[in-house]
Amino acid sequence: MSAPPAVPLATSAAPDAPPRERILATAARLFYAEGIHAVGMDRIVTEASTTRATLYRHFVGKEQLVLSYIQSTDEQIRALSSAALEGLDPREALRAVAGALGDQLCAPGFRGCPFLNAAAEYPDPADPVSRAIVAHRHWLRDLVAGLLAEAGAPEPAEDAATLMMLRDGAMMTAALGDADTVRVSLERAIRRLLTSAGVG
C-alpha cells in the first residue's frame, strides 16, 4: 500500500522513448535533485540525448518546461493516490497515508517535497508555476479533509491543515538531517492527531 510519493515519478525514460517524454523525465530528475534555477537548458538537452531544436519544439522555453514538470508530477501523484486508496474505508486510507508519509522521508534520493522546493524558487503567487503548486497542495489538503470527514472527524478542515503542516515540516527536516528520527516523530504526531480527532 502506498500514498502519494514524495519525489517525482517520471525521472527516467527509455532511450527510445518519445523526445518529449525523455526531456520531461530528465528535467524532473535534475530539477528535483539540484534545483530548478541551477539547471540550464543545455544540460537537459545533453542528458536527454536530444537537440535544442527538439526541446524548443516541445517546450517554448524553460518556464513552460518547469510548469510541465510541476503539472506532470501532480497528475502522476493524483493517479497513484486514486489507485492506492481505492477500496479502502476512510480510516484505513488515513492510516495508509500516514504510514506512507513516513516511508517517503527515508526513500533513496529524497530531497524534500518537490512542490515546496519549487515554491521557494517561484515566490510570485501570480506565476503559473506558483499557481500549479498551490493547486496541487489544495488537492492534497482536500483529499485528506475528505477522508477525515468520511471517517467522522468533527473538524476535518482544521485537522487536514494540521496534518499538512506536520507533513511539510517533516519533509523539510528530513531533507536536512536524520530522516529515521523525523519519521518516528511524524508517525507519532499523526497518530495523536488522528486519535484526538476520534479516527485513530
Protein backbone atom coordinates (compact mmCIF):
# COMPACT_ATOMS: atom_id res chain seq x y z
CA MET A 1 0.00 0.00 0.00
CA SER A 2 1.40 3.39 -0.91
CA ALA A 3 0.37 7.01 -0.66
CA PRO A 4 1.38 9.97 -2.81
CA PRO A 5 5.12 9.78 -3.40
CA ALA A 6 7.45 12.42 -2.06
CA VAL A 7 9.56 12.55 -5.19
CA PRO A 8 8.64 12.91 -8.86
CA LEU A 9 7.78 9.66 -10.60
CA ALA A 10 8.83 10.36 -14.19
CA THR A 11 12.56 10.72 -13.53
CA SER A 12 13.73 8.26 -16.14
CA ALA A 13 12.71 7.27 -19.63
CA ALA A 14 13.81 4.57 -22.03
CA PRO A 15 16.38 5.65 -24.63
CA ASP A 16 13.82 5.00 -27.37
CA ALA A 17 11.02 6.90 -25.59
CA PRO A 18 9.50 9.88 -27.45
CA PRO A 19 11.64 13.03 -27.18
CA ARG A 20 9.10 14.94 -25.07
CA GLU A 21 8.97 12.11 -22.55
CA ARG A 22 12.78 11.93 -22.33
CA ILE A 23 13.08 15.68 -21.93
CA LEU A 24 10.43 15.88 -19.20
CA ALA A 25 11.86 12.91 -17.31
CA THR A 26 15.35 14.38 -17.45
CA ALA A 27 14.11 17.78 -16.30
CA ALA A 28 12.19 16.20 -13.41
CA ARG A 29 15.28 14.33 -12.22
CA LEU A 30 17.60 17.33 -12.45
CA PHE A 31 15.14 19.92 -11.11
CA TYR A 32 14.37 17.76 -8.08
CA ALA A 33 17.98 16.80 -7.34
CA GLU A 34 19.69 20.13 -7.97
CA GLY A 35 17.08 22.89 -8.03
CA ILE A 36 15.21 24.43 -10.93
CA HIS A 37 17.19 27.62 -11.42
CA ALA A 38 20.50 25.74 -11.09
CA VAL A 39 19.80 23.57 -14.13
CA GLY A 40 20.24 25.06 -17.58
CA MET A 41 18.53 24.02 -20.78
CA ASP A 42 21.81 22.89 -22.35
CA ARG A 43 22.28 20.40 -19.52
CA ILE A 44 18.79 19.00 -20.11
CA VAL A 45 19.44 18.74 -23.86
CA THR A 46 22.65 16.80 -23.24
CA GLU A 47 21.29 14.41 -20.62
CA ALA A 48 18.06 13.80 -22.54
CA SER A 49 20.11 12.91 -25.65
CA THR A 50 18.21 15.36 -27.79
CA THR A 51 18.78 18.70 -29.53
CA ARG A 52 17.89 22.26 -28.62
CA ALA A 53 15.58 22.41 -31.64
CA THR A 54 13.69 19.35 -30.43
CA LEU A 55 13.43 20.67 -26.89
CA TYR A 56 12.06 24.02 -28.03
CA ARG A 57 9.64 22.31 -30.39
CA HIS A 58 8.02 20.67 -27.38
CA PHE A 59 8.56 23.43 -24.80
CA VAL A 60 8.62 27.08 -25.83
CA GLY A 61 11.07 27.91 -23.05
CA LYS A 62 12.26 26.89 -19.63
CA GLU A 63 9.21 28.32 -17.86
CA GLN A 64 6.93 26.07 -19.89
CA LEU A 65 9.17 23.08 -19.12
CA VAL A 66 9.08 23.88 -15.40
CA LEU A 67 5.30 24.24 -15.48
CA SER A 68 5.01 20.90 -17.30
CA TYR A 69 7.27 19.31 -14.67
CA ILE A 70 5.03 20.52 -11.84
CA GLN A 71 1.82 19.58 -13.64
CA SER A 72 3.00 16.12 -14.66
CA THR A 73 4.21 15.38 -11.13
CA ASP A 74 0.83 16.47 -9.81
CA GLU A 75 -1.02 14.30 -12.34
CA GLN A 76 1.04 11.23 -11.51
CA ILE A 77 0.53 11.66 -7.78
CA ARG A 78 -3.23 12.08 -8.20
CA ALA A 79 -3.45 8.96 -10.33
CA LEU A 80 -1.33 6.89 -7.95
CA SER A 81 -3.32 8.10 -4.96
CA SER A 82 -6.62 7.19 -6.59
CA ALA A 83 -5.39 3.68 -7.36
CA ALA A 84 -3.72 3.16 -3.97
CA LEU A 85 -6.68 4.29 -1.88
CA GLU A 86 -9.39 2.61 -3.95
CA GLY A 87 -11.46 0.16 -1.93
CA LEU A 88 -10.21 1.30 1.49
CA ASP A 89 -12.57 2.69 4.07
CA PRO A 90 -11.71 6.23 5.26
CA ARG A 91 -9.91 5.14 8.43
CA GLU A 92 -7.84 2.57 6.58
CA ALA A 93 -6.99 5.19 3.96
CA LEU A 94 -5.89 7.69 6.62
CA ARG A 95 -3.68 5.09 8.30
CA ALA A 96 -2.19 4.14 4.94
CA VAL A 97 -1.44 7.76 4.07
CA ALA A 98 0.11 8.36 7.49
CA GLY A 99 2.34 5.30 7.23
CA ALA A 100 3.41 6.03 3.68
CA LEU A 101 4.39 9.61 4.55
CA GLY A 102 7.00 8.21 6.91
CA ASP A 103 8.27 5.83 4.23
CA GLN A 104 8.75 8.72 1.82
CA LEU A 105 11.12 10.51 4.18
CA CYS A 106 13.54 7.59 4.01
CA ALA A 107 13.28 6.93 0.27
CA PRO A 108 16.55 6.88 -1.71
CA GLY A 109 17.29 10.27 -3.24
CA PHE A 110 14.80 12.07 -1.01
CA ARG A 111 15.37 15.84 -1.14
CA GLY A 112 12.11 17.12 0.30
CA CYS A 113 8.76 17.84 -1.30
CA PRO A 114 9.17 18.81 -4.98
CA PHE A 115 6.32 21.30 -4.68
CA LEU A 116 7.76 23.04 -1.61
CA ASN A 117 11.19 23.08 -3.26
CA ALA A 118 9.74 24.67 -6.38
CA ALA A 119 7.70 27.15 -4.34
CA ALA A 120 10.91 28.51 -2.81
CA GLU A 121 12.13 29.31 -6.32
CA TYR A 122 8.81 30.73 -7.55
CA PRO A 123 7.53 33.08 -4.82
CA ASP A 124 5.28 35.21 -7.07
CA PRO A 125 1.71 33.99 -6.44
CA ALA A 126 0.68 35.16 -9.92
CA ASP A 127 3.27 33.00 -11.66
CA PRO A 128 1.72 29.98 -13.45
CA VAL A 129 4.23 27.68 -11.73
CA SER A 130 3.23 29.03 -8.33
CA ARG A 131 -0.45 28.61 -9.16
CA ALA A 132 0.15 24.99 -10.20
CA ILE A 133 1.93 24.33 -6.91
CA VAL A 134 -0.96 25.83 -4.94
CA ALA A 135 -3.47 23.77 -6.94
CA HIS A 136 -1.64 20.56 -6.01
CA ARG A 137 -1.49 21.48 -2.35
CA HIS A 138 -5.19 22.35 -2.27
CA TRP A 139 -5.98 18.99 -3.84
CA LEU A 140 -3.87 17.12 -1.27
CA ARG A 141 -5.35 19.02 1.66
CA ASP A 142 -8.87 18.45 0.34
CA LEU A 143 -8.16 14.75 -0.14
CA VAL A 144 -7.12 14.40 3.49
CA ALA A 145 -10.00 16.58 4.71
CA GLY A 146 -12.44 14.45 2.76
CA LEU A 147 -11.11 11.24 4.31
CA LEU A 148 -11.28 12.79 7.77
CA ALA A 149 -14.86 13.92 7.21
CA GLU A 150 -15.89 10.49 5.95
CA ALA A 151 -14.25 8.91 8.99
CA GLY A 152 -16.29 11.14 11.30
CA ALA A 153 -13.77 13.75 12.41
CA PRO A 154 -15.67 16.78 13.79
CA GLU A 155 -13.23 19.36 12.36
CA PRO A 156 -11.84 17.80 9.18
CA ALA A 157 -10.62 21.01 7.55
CA GLU A 158 -8.67 22.08 10.64
CA ASP A 159 -7.22 18.60 11.15
CA ALA A 160 -6.22 18.38 7.48
CA ALA A 161 -4.44 21.73 7.73
CA THR A 162 -2.56 20.49 10.81
CA LEU A 163 -1.60 17.27 9.06
CA MET A 164 -0.29 19.29 6.11
CA MET A 165 1.88 21.34 8.45
CA LEU A 166 3.22 18.18 10.06
CA ARG A 167 3.98 16.74 6.63
CA ASP A 168 5.67 19.90 5.38
CA GLY A 169 7.82 20.28 8.47
CA ALA A 170 8.82 16.63 8.44
CA MET A 171 9.78 16.74 4.78
CA MET A 172 11.94 19.81 5.18
CA THR A 173 13.57 18.49 8.35
CA ALA A 174 14.22 15.02 6.91
CA ALA A 175 15.81 16.54 3.82
CA LEU A 176 18.29 18.32 6.09
CA GLY A 177 19.06 15.64 8.64
CA ASP A 178 18.17 12.33 10.29
CA ALA A 179 15.22 11.01 8.30
CA ASP A 180 14.71 7.97 10.54
CA THR A 181 14.29 10.13 13.64
CA VAL A 182 11.98 12.51 11.81
CA ARG A 183 9.92 9.57 10.59
CA VAL A 184 9.32 8.32 14.13
CA SER A 185 8.32 11.79 15.32
CA LEU A 186 6.00 12.33 12.35
CA GLU A 187 4.22 9.00 12.77
CA ARG A 188 3.74 9.66 16.50
CA ALA A 189 2.35 13.14 15.84
CA ILE A 190 -0.05 11.89 13.17
CA ARG A 191 -1.29 9.09 15.43
CA ARG A 192 -2.01 11.63 18.14
CA LEU A 193 -3.81 13.88 15.68
CA LEU A 194 -5.99 11.06 14.37
CA THR A 195 -6.72 9.84 17.90
CA SER A 196 -7.71 13.32 19.08
CA ALA A 197 -9.99 13.59 16.04
CA GLY A 198 -11.61 10.30 17.01
CA VAL A 199 -10.49 8.48 13.87
CA GLY A 200 -7.25 6.87 15.03
